Amino acid sequence: MLARRKFLGLAAAGCGCAVCGPSWGQPLRYALDAREIAPATWGVFGAREHFSMENGGNIVNVAFVVTPDGVVVIDTGPSRRFGEALKELIARKAPGKPILRVFNTHHHPDHFLGNQVFDPSVIAAPQKVIDNIKLQGEDFATNMYRLVGDWMRGTTPVAPTRPVASSREEIGGRAFTFLELSGHTNCDFVVRDEETGVLFTGDLAFLDRAPTTPQADLPAWRNAIATLRATDRASILPGHGPQDLKGASLDQTLDWLDWLDGTLRDCVEAGLTMNEAMAKPIPTRFAVIGVAREEFERSVVHLYPRLEAQLLPSVDVER
């Protein structure tokens, strides 16, 4: 598996074309910038796109909070290179401050594949997230090599070593509370900074970028959104999209999930094929959402077989 990833990275590097990266072996670099979204709280915002050779997988929001004694990081991005750029950015914004904790909100590759540049002893997540990374991390990393090529050079999956088993922790003189939910995956970890009220939702919330559903449980996701709506907060940093001051990310994500579920159920009950379902129009209210058509088509692939099994009557056939 590691040899396969190395080959994929070298193949992309050797191409020298505009898509695969600069020629002459010039190193690729993420030009990361941080925006202060609350006092001593910084968001690093990714593009509202799919993974590509052009963006290097930089489509995710990550964040860091500067406490009196050090720094708390929420998610580490899609590659070793991204993790290195994030670490350099943190050092510029919080010079001399040690990194006290790194949280992974879930096991999808854009949220944890930068882990390897941080001290493993400070990387934390619920046990289910840790188990998911150990079980699926290699496959996710290999797929990312295929999607973004040499941006992934040297990247290997590293699972958190600190299981989060409590609902609250004080880190570096600042208190954080935690929610362990599910829906986007079977374990979605939410972090709330008690001092500022910022809620870091991971991919339970999207804003102006269509939600992804490769491992989604839509009823559980709806329940998670209901929990987040009832959670005291000053603002939300969704997994993808701009900072949310009023809960629009929860409203838009729920609206998308409800429309998606209803549309696919109607298609199944009408006897449409998956290809016919993929051709359904996207409502105009979702026109502002990035990659809506592409994610809808992917969601048909993810969800349609399960809905067919649920909704279509079984027929016994004599042979």
Protein backbone atom coordinates (compact mmCIF):
# COMPACT_ATOMS: atom_id res chain seq x y z
CA MET A 1 0.00 0.00 0.00
CA LEU A 2 2.80 2.47 0.93
CA ALA A 3 4.73 1.62 -2.24
CA ARG A 4 1.56 2.21 -4.28
CA ARG A 5 1.10 5.65 -2.69
CA LYS A 6 4.75 6.53 -3.29
CA PHE A 7 4.40 5.60 -6.98
CA LEU A 8 1.26 7.70 -7.35
CA GLY A 9 2.98 10.72 -5.82
CA LEU A 10 6.07 10.36 -8.03
CA ALA A 11 3.94 9.91 -11.13
CA ALA A 12 2.13 13.16 -10.46
CA ALA A 13 5.39 14.98 -9.69
CA GLY A 14 7.06 13.77 -12.89
CA CYS A 15 4.30 15.00 -15.17
CA GLY A 16 5.25 18.68 -14.99
CA CYS A 17 1.86 19.82 -16.30
CA ALA A 18 -0.41 22.56 -14.99
CA VAL A 19 -2.81 20.05 -13.48
CA CYS A 20 -0.35 17.73 -11.77
CA GLY A 21 1.89 20.45 -10.38
CA PRO A 22 4.97 22.56 -11.21
CA SER A 23 7.82 21.07 -13.21
CA TRP A 24 11.48 20.71 -12.20
CA GLY A 25 10.48 19.18 -8.88
CA GLN A 26 9.42 22.54 -7.40
CA PRO A 27 7.73 21.80 -4.06
CA LEU A 28 4.01 22.41 -3.71
CA ARG A 29 2.92 24.68 -0.86
CA TYR A 30 -0.41 25.54 0.71
CA ALA A 31 -0.83 29.31 1.07
CA LEU A 32 -2.79 29.11 4.31
CA ASP A 33 -4.18 32.17 6.04
CA ALA A 34 -6.07 32.47 9.31
CA ARG A 35 -8.99 34.74 10.17
CA GLU A 36 -9.78 35.61 13.78
CA ILE A 37 -13.38 34.45 14.24
CA ALA A 38 -13.49 35.19 18.00
CA PRO A 39 -10.96 36.45 20.54
CA ALA A 40 -7.80 34.31 20.28
CA THR A 41 -9.69 31.93 17.96
CA TRP A 42 -8.61 31.44 14.37
CA GLY A 43 -10.32 29.78 11.41
CA VAL A 44 -8.48 28.53 8.34
CA PHE A 45 -11.01 28.26 5.51
CA GLY A 46 -10.85 25.83 2.60
CA ALA A 47 -12.30 26.15 -0.90
CA ARG A 48 -15.93 25.09 -1.44
CA GLU A 49 -14.87 22.57 -4.06
CA HIS A 50 -14.11 18.90 -4.58
CA PHE A 51 -10.64 17.45 -4.04
CA SER A 52 -8.48 18.26 -7.05
CA MET A 53 -4.90 18.53 -8.24
CA GLU A 54 -5.38 22.31 -8.28
CA ASN A 55 -6.50 22.74 -4.65
CA GLY A 56 -4.43 19.92 -3.17
CA GLY A 57 -7.38 18.82 -1.06
CA ASN A 58 -7.59 22.17 0.72
CA ILE A 59 -11.39 22.21 0.93
CA VAL A 60 -11.83 21.94 4.69
CA ASN A 61 -12.11 24.35 7.60
CA VAL A 62 -9.64 23.83 10.42
CA ALA A 63 -9.15 26.03 13.47
CA PHE A 64 -6.97 26.78 16.46
CA VAL A 65 -7.59 28.45 19.79
CA VAL A 66 -4.81 30.26 21.65
CA THR A 67 -5.18 29.63 25.39
CA PRO A 68 -3.10 31.30 28.12
CA ASP A 69 -0.70 28.34 28.17
CA GLY A 70 -0.73 27.04 24.60
CA VAL A 71 -2.77 26.18 21.53
CA VAL A 72 -5.71 23.84 20.88
CA VAL A 73 -6.13 22.70 17.25
CA ILE A 74 -9.35 21.41 15.69
CA ASP A 75 -8.63 19.16 12.68
CA THR A 76 -5.38 19.01 10.71
CA GLY A 77 -6.27 18.96 7.02
CA PRO A 78 -5.77 16.57 4.10
CA SER A 79 -2.03 15.89 3.97
CA ARG A 80 1.34 16.08 5.67
CA ARG A 81 2.14 19.22 3.65
CA PHE A 82 -1.06 20.85 4.89
CA GLY A 83 -0.23 19.90 8.48
CA GLU A 84 3.21 21.46 8.12
CA ALA A 85 1.74 24.67 6.70
CA LEU A 86 -0.84 24.76 9.50
CA LYS A 87 1.85 24.29 12.13
CA GLU A 88 3.87 27.15 10.62
CA LEU A 89 0.78 29.38 10.57
CA ILE A 90 0.07 28.62 14.24
CA ALA A 91 3.67 29.50 15.12
CA ARG A 92 3.24 32.90 13.42
CA LYS A 93 -0.04 33.68 15.15
CA ALA A 94 0.99 32.31 18.57
CA PRO A 95 4.79 32.57 18.71
CA GLY A 96 6.39 30.51 21.45
CA LYS A 97 3.14 28.78 22.43
CA PRO A 98 3.20 24.97 22.59
CA ILE A 99 0.48 22.91 20.96
CA LEU A 100 -1.35 21.37 23.90
CA ARG A 101 -4.10 19.43 22.12
CA VAL A 102 -5.15 18.44 18.60
CA PHE A 103 -8.74 17.24 18.12
CA ASN A 104 -10.03 15.26 15.15
CA THR A 105 -13.76 15.77 14.59
CA HIS A 106 -14.14 12.58 12.51
CA HIS A 107 -12.21 10.18 10.29
CA HIS A 108 -12.69 11.62 6.80
CA PRO A 109 -9.33 12.32 5.16
CA ASP A 110 -9.48 16.12 4.89
CA HIS A 111 -9.84 16.31 8.68
CA PHE A 112 -7.02 14.12 9.98
CA LEU A 113 -4.28 13.40 7.42
CA GLY A 114 -2.18 16.31 8.72
CA ASN A 115 -1.88 14.56 12.10
CA GLN A 116 1.60 13.18 11.52
CA VAL A 117 3.35 16.54 11.94
CA PHE A 118 2.01 16.94 15.49
CA ASP A 119 3.15 15.19 18.66
CA PRO A 120 1.08 11.99 18.74
CA SER A 121 0.64 12.26 22.50
CA VAL A 122 -1.54 15.40 22.16
CA ILE A 123 -3.86 14.16 19.37
CA ALA A 124 -7.31 13.32 20.76
CA ALA A 125 -10.73 12.09 19.61
CA PRO A 126 -13.50 9.79 20.81
CA GLN A 127 -12.57 6.11 20.68
CA LYS A 128 -14.89 5.49 17.72
CA VAL A 129 -13.05 8.13 15.66
CA ILE A 130 -9.73 6.56 16.63
CA ASP A 131 -10.97 3.12 15.62
CA ASN A 132 -12.32 4.45 12.31
CA ILE A 133 -8.98 6.07 11.44
CA LYS A 134 -7.12 2.87 12.25
CA LEU A 135 -9.55 0.81 10.18
CA GLN A 136 -10.03 3.10 7.16
CA GLY A 137 -7.12 5.54 7.25
CA GLU A 138 -4.91 3.66 4.79
CA ASP A 139 -7.69 3.39 2.21
CA PHE A 140 -8.55 7.08 2.57
CA ALA A 141 -4.89 8.07 2.17
CA THR A 142 -4.50 5.92 -0.93
CA ASN A 143 -7.60 7.48 -2.49
CA MET A 144 -6.31 10.97 -1.70
CA TYR A 145 -3.06 10.17 -3.53
CA ARG A 146 -5.18 9.29 -6.55
CA LEU A 147 -7.21 12.52 -6.30
CA VAL A 148 -4.54 15.13 -5.54
CA GLY A 149 -1.26 13.46 -6.48
CA ASP A 150 1.99 14.94 -5.24
CA TRP A 151 0.32 17.19 -2.68
CA MET A 152 0.15 13.97 -0.65
CA ARG A 153 3.84 13.09 -0.85
CA GLY A 154 5.03 11.62 2.44
CA THR A 155 1.56 11.49 3.98
CA THR A 156 0.71 8.53 6.20
CA PRO A 157 -2.38 8.17 8.40
CA VAL A 158 -1.77 8.70 12.11
CA ALA A 159 -4.57 7.96 14.57
CA PRO A 160 -5.11 9.96 17.77
CA THR A 161 -3.60 8.42 20.89
CA ARG A 162 -5.79 10.17 23.49
CA PRO A 163 -9.39 8.89 23.72
CA VAL A 164 -11.85 11.61 24.74
CA ALA A 165 -14.17 10.06 27.30
CA SER A 166 -15.41 13.15 29.18
CA SER A 167 -17.82 15.93 28.22
CA ARG A 168 -15.56 18.76 29.41
CA GLU A 169 -11.86 19.49 29.73
CA GLU A 170 -9.77 22.48 30.74
CA ILE A 171 -6.78 22.85 28.47
CA GLY A 172 -4.13 25.50 29.00
CA GLY A 173 -6.38 27.64 31.17
CA ARG A 174 -9.42 27.50 28.87
CA ALA A 175 -12.44 25.21 29.18
CA PHE A 176 -13.92 23.18 26.33
CA THR A 177 -17.07 21.06 26.26
CA PHE A 178 -17.67 18.13 23.92
CA LEU A 179 -20.54 16.40 22.16
CA GLU A 180 -20.22 12.94 20.64
CA LEU A 181 -22.90 12.69 17.93
CA SER A 182 -23.38 10.85 14.63
CA GLY A 183 -25.01 11.22 11.25
CA HIS A 184 -22.34 12.43 8.86
CA THR A 185 -20.36 9.40 10.06
CA ASN A 186 -20.95 6.94 12.89
CA CYS A 187 -19.05 9.30 15.22
CA ASP A 188 -18.99 13.08 14.82
CA PHE A 189 -17.14 14.98 17.53
CA VAL A 190 -18.18 18.56 18.31
CA VAL A 191 -16.04 20.96 20.33
CA ARG A 192 -17.38 24.08 22.09
CA ASP A 193 -15.11 26.78 23.48
CA GLU A 194 -16.78 27.88 26.72
CA GLU A 195 -15.05 31.27 26.74
CA THR A 196 -16.18 32.46 23.30
CA GLY A 197 -19.13 30.16 22.61
CA VAL A 198 -17.72 29.08 19.24
CA LEU A 199 -19.06 25.67 18.22
CA PHE A 200 -16.74 23.62 16.02
CA THR A 201 -19.14 21.17 14.36
CA GLY A 202 -16.95 19.33 11.89
CA ASP A 203 -19.02 18.04 8.98
CA LEU A 204 -22.33 17.92 10.81
CA ALA A 205 -22.77 21.44 9.41
CA PHE A 206 -22.04 22.77 5.92
CA LEU A 207 -22.71 26.29 4.66
CA ASP A 208 -22.84 27.26 0.97
CA ARG A 209 -21.22 23.94 0.07
CA ALA A 210 -23.24 20.77 -0.51
CA PRO A 211 -22.96 18.13 2.24
CA THR A 212 -21.16 14.88 1.53
CA THR A 213 -22.82 11.55 2.31
CA PRO A 214 -20.45 8.59 1.75
CA GLN A 215 -21.09 7.22 5.25
CA ALA A 216 -24.18 9.19 6.20
CA ASP A 217 -27.12 8.10 8.32
CA LEU A 218 -29.73 10.74 7.51
CA PRO A 219 -32.07 10.20 10.51
CA ALA A 220 -29.11 10.32 12.91
CA TRP A 221 -27.81 13.44 11.14
CA ARG A 222 -31.17 15.17 11.59
CA ASN A 223 -31.09 14.29 15.30
CA ALA A 224 -27.58 15.69 15.60
CA ILE A 225 -28.67 18.96 14.00
CA ALA A 226 -31.54 19.18 16.50
CA THR A 227 -29.01 18.76 19.31
CA LEU A 228 -26.74 21.44 17.86
CA ARG A 229 -29.67 23.83 17.47
CA ALA A 230 -30.38 23.43 21.20
CA THR A 231 -26.72 23.95 22.15
CA ASP A 232 -25.81 27.35 23.55
CA ARG A 233 -23.42 29.06 21.17
CA ALA A 234 -22.22 32.42 19.89
CA SER A 235 -21.23 31.21 16.43
CA ILE A 236 -20.54 28.07 14.43
CA LEU A 237 -17.49 27.09 12.44
CA PRO A 238 -18.89 24.46 10.04
CA GLY A 239 -16.68 21.81 8.49
CA HIS A 240 -17.04 23.57 5.14
CA GLY A 241 -18.12 27.11 4.34
CA PRO A 242 -18.00 30.51 6.05
CA GLN A 243 -18.36 31.24 9.76
CA ASP A 244 -21.99 31.12 10.81
CA LEU A 245 -23.30 33.66 13.32
CA LYS A 246 -27.02 32.81 13.21
CA GLY A 247 -27.37 29.06 12.64
CA ALA A 248 -27.72 29.23 8.86
CA SER A 249 -25.38 26.25 8.46
CA LEU A 250 -27.71 24.06 10.51
CA ASP A 251 -30.79 25.29 8.63
CA GLN A 252 -29.21 24.85 5.21
CA THR A 253 -27.74 21.43 5.99
CA LEU A 254 -31.08 20.17 7.31
CA ASP A 255 -32.93 21.63 4.31
CA TRP A 256 -30.55 19.85 1.95
CA LEU A 257 -30.85 16.52 3.79
CA ASP A 258 -34.66 16.73 3.85
CA TRP A 259 -34.81 17.56 0.14
CA LEU A 260 -32.27 14.86 -0.71
CA ASP A 261 -34.07 12.18 1.28
CA GLY A 262 -37.51 13.12 -0.08
CA THR A 263 -36.29 13.31 -3.68
CA LEU A 264 -34.55 9.94 -3.57
CA ARG A 265 -37.54 8.28 -1.90
CA ASP A 266 -39.84 9.66 -4.59
CA CYS A 267 -37.48 8.38 -7.28
CA VAL A 268 -37.34 4.90 -5.77
CA GLU A 269 -41.13 4.72 -5.43
CA ALA A 270 -41.50 5.88 -9.05
CA GLY A 271 -39.25 3.03 -10.16
CA LEU A 272 -36.49 5.28 -11.55
CA THR A 273 -33.00 3.97 -12.13
CA MET A 274 -30.03 5.59 -10.41
CA ASN A 275 -29.09 7.36 -13.65
CA GLU A 276 -32.60 8.73 -13.99
CA ALA A 277 -32.54 9.89 -10.36
CA MET A 278 -29.22 11.69 -10.94
CA ALA A 279 -30.86 13.78 -13.68
CA LYS A 280 -33.38 15.33 -11.28
CA PRO A 281 -33.16 19.15 -11.08
CA ILE A 282 -31.56 20.95 -8.15
CA PRO A 283 -33.95 23.47 -6.49
CA THR A 284 -33.11 27.10 -7.13
CA ARG A 285 -32.69 27.78 -3.40
CA PHE A 286 -29.56 25.62 -3.55
CA ALA A 287 -28.04 27.59 -6.43
CA VAL A 288 -25.58 29.29 -4.06
CA ILE A 289 -24.28 25.98 -2.75
CA GLY A 290 -20.93 24.88 -4.14
CA VAL A 291 -20.73 21.55 -6.02
CA ALA A 292 -24.45 20.88 -5.48
CA ARG A 293 -24.96 18.91 -8.69
CA GLU A 294 -21.84 16.81 -8.14
CA GLU A 295 -22.67 16.00 -4.52
CA PHE A 296 -26.27 15.17 -5.38
CA GLU A 297 -25.08 12.65 -7.97
CA ARG A 298 -22.61 11.17 -5.49
CA SER A 299 -25.37 10.93 -2.89
CA VAL A 300 -27.51 8.94 -5.30
CA VAL A 301 -24.67 6.41 -5.49
CA HIS A 302 -24.25 6.42 -1.70
CA LEU A 303 -27.91 6.23 -0.66
CA TYR A 304 -30.03 4.82 -3.48
CA PRO A 305 -29.30 1.10 -3.00
CA ARG A 306 -30.17 1.33 0.69
CA LEU A 307 -33.44 3.12 -0.04
CA GLU A 308 -34.34 0.58 -2.70
CA ALA A 309 -33.82 -2.20 -0.16
CA GLN A 310 -36.04 -0.37 2.34
CA LEU A 311 -38.85 0.77 0.06
CA LEU A 312 -39.23 -1.79 -2.69
CA PRO A 313 -41.15 -4.98 -1.90
CA SER A 314 -39.24 -8.20 -2.12
CA VAL A 315 -40.48 -10.64 -4.74
CA ASP A 316 -40.07 -14.38 -4.40
CA VAL A 317 -39.18 -16.00 -7.68
CA GLU A 318 -39.57 -19.70 -8.29
CA ARG A 319 -36.71 -21.22 -10.20
